[in-house]
Amino acid sequence: MLVVAAVSIFPLVILPFIASAKSTAETPFRLTTEIWSAISSGQLYIYSFSLFGTIIWLCVEDVSQKTFAPRKYFVIAAILSAFLCLLVYSADPTLSKPINPVLVRISIWIYAIYLAMYHALLVFKMLRAPGIDETVEGNVDRLIRTSRRNRGREND
C-alpha cells in the first residue's frame, strides 16, 4: 500500500523540483509551498481519481469466492467520490486556481479513504481460501475428537 500511495502522488512530490528548475537562480526553493499550492488548487482530486479504477476492479474481482460484505459499500463510496472528483475537475480543468478550503479538505479525506479502501480490498484479496483437502481434514479431525469425547462419557 505504501508503494501505491507513493507512486500515486509522485507527480505531486516532484512538482517543487520542476518549479525550481524552471525558475531563476535567485528564487528560493519552496517544497511545502509548491505542494500545498497544487493541493489547494484541487490536484489531489486527480490523484485520488487515479486510484478509482483499481478500487473498482478490486471490488468487482472476487477470486477468493469469499463474501466480503463491505465490497458493495466500497463500490458506492468510490463512485460517489469519483463524481465529486469529476465535478471539481470540470469546474476548472486546468486546476490552476485555488478552490474552496472545504473542497481541499474533502480532497484530502477522499484520498485517505481511497487508500484505506485499497488497502482493505487488497488484504482481503490476498487472504487464501482453505482448500477442500484442508477443510475435509479439519472436519474429519473434529468429528474424531468429538466421537472420542462422547465415547469417553458413555463409559463413565
Protein backbone atom coordinates (compact mmCIF):
# COMPACT_ATOMS: atom_id res chain seq x y z
CA MET A 1 0.00 0.00 0.00
CA LEU A 2 2.88 2.35 0.73
CA VAL A 3 4.16 1.82 -2.80
CA VAL A 4 0.75 2.68 -4.26
CA ALA A 5 0.49 5.80 -2.11
CA ALA A 6 3.98 6.91 -3.11
CA VAL A 7 3.52 6.21 -6.81
CA SER A 8 0.06 7.76 -6.99
CA ILE A 9 1.26 11.12 -5.63
CA PHE A 10 4.76 11.04 -7.11
CA PRO A 11 3.99 13.85 -9.60
CA LEU A 12 2.86 15.99 -6.68
CA VAL A 13 6.12 15.31 -4.84
CA ILE A 14 8.37 16.20 -7.80
CA LEU A 15 6.40 19.37 -8.56
CA PRO A 16 8.60 21.62 -6.36
CA PHE A 17 11.72 20.34 -8.09
CA ILE A 18 10.25 21.02 -11.53
CA ALA A 19 9.17 24.51 -10.42
CA SER A 20 12.66 25.14 -9.05
CA ALA A 21 14.28 24.04 -12.29
CA LYS A 22 12.03 26.40 -14.29
CA SER A 23 12.59 29.38 -12.00
CA THR A 24 15.56 31.71 -11.82
CA ALA A 25 18.56 31.03 -9.60
CA GLU A 26 17.52 33.76 -7.17
CA THR A 27 14.13 32.17 -6.47
CA PRO A 28 14.22 30.17 -3.23
CA PHE A 29 13.28 26.50 -3.21
CA ARG A 30 9.87 26.10 -1.56
CA LEU A 31 8.97 22.46 -1.07
CA THR A 32 5.81 22.72 1.01
CA THR A 33 4.56 25.90 -0.65
CA GLU A 34 4.55 24.31 -4.10
CA ILE A 35 2.93 21.10 -2.89
CA TRP A 36 0.27 22.94 -0.89
CA SER A 37 -0.39 25.24 -3.84
CA ALA A 38 -1.10 22.20 -6.02
CA ILE A 39 -3.31 20.60 -3.37
CA SER A 40 -5.24 23.83 -2.79
CA SER A 41 -5.97 24.08 -6.50
CA GLY A 42 -7.60 20.61 -6.42
CA GLN A 43 -4.90 18.41 -7.88
CA LEU A 44 -5.35 15.85 -5.11
CA TYR A 45 -8.71 15.05 -6.71
CA ILE A 46 -6.84 13.89 -9.80
CA TYR A 47 -4.51 11.72 -7.75
CA SER A 48 -7.47 10.28 -5.87
CA PHE A 49 -9.23 9.56 -9.13
CA SER A 50 -6.17 7.66 -10.33
CA LEU A 51 -6.94 5.03 -7.65
CA PHE A 52 -10.60 4.76 -8.72
CA GLY A 53 -10.13 2.11 -11.42
CA THR A 54 -8.05 -0.14 -9.19
CA ILE A 55 -10.54 0.12 -6.34
CA ILE A 56 -13.46 -0.75 -8.61
CA TRP A 57 -11.50 -3.67 -10.06
CA LEU A 58 -10.68 -4.98 -6.57
CA CYS A 59 -14.34 -4.61 -5.60
CA VAL A 60 -15.64 -6.48 -8.64
CA GLU A 61 -12.98 -9.18 -8.95
CA ASP A 62 -13.51 -11.89 -6.36
CA VAL A 63 -11.03 -14.71 -6.86
CA SER A 64 -11.32 -15.87 -3.28
CA GLN A 65 -15.03 -16.69 -3.64
CA LYS A 66 -15.47 -15.41 -0.10
CA THR A 67 -18.16 -12.92 0.69
CA PHE A 68 -16.93 -9.54 1.80
CA ALA A 69 -19.96 -7.52 2.83
CA PRO A 70 -18.34 -4.06 2.64
CA ARG A 71 -17.47 -4.65 -1.01
CA LYS A 72 -20.77 -3.19 -2.28
CA TYR A 73 -20.46 -0.19 0.04
CA PHE A 74 -16.91 0.37 -1.18
CA VAL A 75 -18.20 0.48 -4.77
CA ILE A 76 -20.85 3.06 -3.83
CA ALA A 77 -18.34 5.19 -1.87
CA ALA A 78 -15.80 5.01 -4.70
CA ILE A 79 -18.34 6.02 -7.34
CA LEU A 80 -19.73 8.92 -5.30
CA SER A 81 -16.21 10.17 -4.58
CA ALA A 82 -15.33 9.83 -8.27
CA PHE A 83 -18.32 12.00 -9.21
CA LEU A 84 -17.09 14.69 -6.83
CA CYS A 85 -13.62 14.45 -8.35
CA LEU A 86 -15.10 14.88 -11.82
CA LEU A 87 -17.21 17.85 -10.71
CA VAL A 88 -14.19 19.66 -9.27
CA TYR A 89 -12.17 18.87 -12.38
CA SER A 90 -14.94 20.02 -14.73
CA ALA A 91 -15.22 23.34 -12.86
CA ASP A 92 -11.57 24.16 -13.64
CA PRO A 93 -9.89 21.64 -15.98
CA THR A 94 -6.53 23.38 -15.63
CA LEU A 95 -6.67 23.13 -11.82
CA SER A 96 -4.75 26.38 -11.66
CA LYS A 97 -6.97 28.46 -9.36
CA PRO A 98 -7.28 27.83 -5.63
CA ILE A 99 -10.56 26.16 -4.69
CA ASN A 100 -12.71 26.46 -1.59
CA PRO A 101 -10.80 25.29 1.55
CA VAL A 102 -13.67 22.91 2.35
CA LEU A 103 -13.16 21.22 -1.02
CA VAL A 104 -9.44 21.00 -0.30
CA ARG A 105 -10.12 19.19 3.00
CA ILE A 106 -12.59 16.91 1.22
CA SER A 107 -9.91 16.04 -1.36
CA ILE A 108 -7.55 15.02 1.44
CA TRP A 109 -10.28 12.87 3.01
CA ILE A 110 -11.16 11.27 -0.32
CA TYR A 111 -7.52 10.39 -0.95
CA ALA A 112 -7.17 8.93 2.55
CA ILE A 113 -10.41 6.97 2.19
CA TYR A 114 -9.36 5.66 -1.23
CA LEU A 115 -6.05 4.48 0.26
CA ALA A 116 -7.84 2.79 3.17
CA MET A 117 -10.32 1.11 0.81
CA TYR A 118 -7.49 0.00 -1.46
CA HIS A 119 -5.63 -1.49 1.49
CA ALA A 120 -8.70 -3.31 2.86
CA LEU A 121 -9.63 -4.73 -0.54
CA LEU A 122 -6.06 -5.79 -1.27
CA VAL A 123 -5.66 -7.51 2.10
CA PHE A 124 -8.96 -9.31 1.66
CA LYS A 125 -8.00 -10.35 -1.87
CA MET A 126 -4.73 -11.84 -0.60
CA LEU A 127 -6.47 -13.98 2.00
CA ARG A 128 -6.37 -17.52 0.76
CA ALA A 129 -9.47 -19.61 1.00
CA PRO A 130 -8.76 -23.02 2.54
CA GLY A 131 -8.52 -25.83 0.06
CA ILE A 132 -11.00 -28.68 0.01
CA ASP A 133 -8.40 -31.09 1.43
CA GLU A 134 -7.73 -28.81 4.42
CA THR A 135 -11.42 -28.35 5.07
CA VAL A 136 -12.21 -32.07 4.90
CA GLU A 137 -9.21 -32.99 7.07
CA GLY A 138 -10.15 -30.38 9.66
CA ASN A 139 -13.75 -31.58 9.80
CA VAL A 140 -12.72 -35.25 10.00
CA ASP A 141 -10.31 -34.49 12.86
CA ARG A 142 -13.01 -32.53 14.67
CA LEU A 143 -15.51 -35.39 14.26
CA ILE A 144 -12.97 -37.92 15.54
CA ARG A 145 -12.24 -35.81 18.64
CA THR A 146 -15.95 -35.29 19.29
CA SER A 147 -16.62 -39.01 18.87
CA ARG A 148 -13.81 -39.94 21.28
CA ARG A 149 -15.13 -37.47 23.87
CA ASN A 150 -18.65 -38.83 23.54
CA ARG A 151 -17.42 -42.45 23.87
CA GLY A 152 -15.47 -41.43 26.97
CA ARG A 153 -18.68 -40.05 28.52
CA GLU A 154 -20.61 -43.22 27.72
CA ASN A 155 -18.04 -45.36 29.55
CA ASP A 156 -18.39 -43.28 32.75
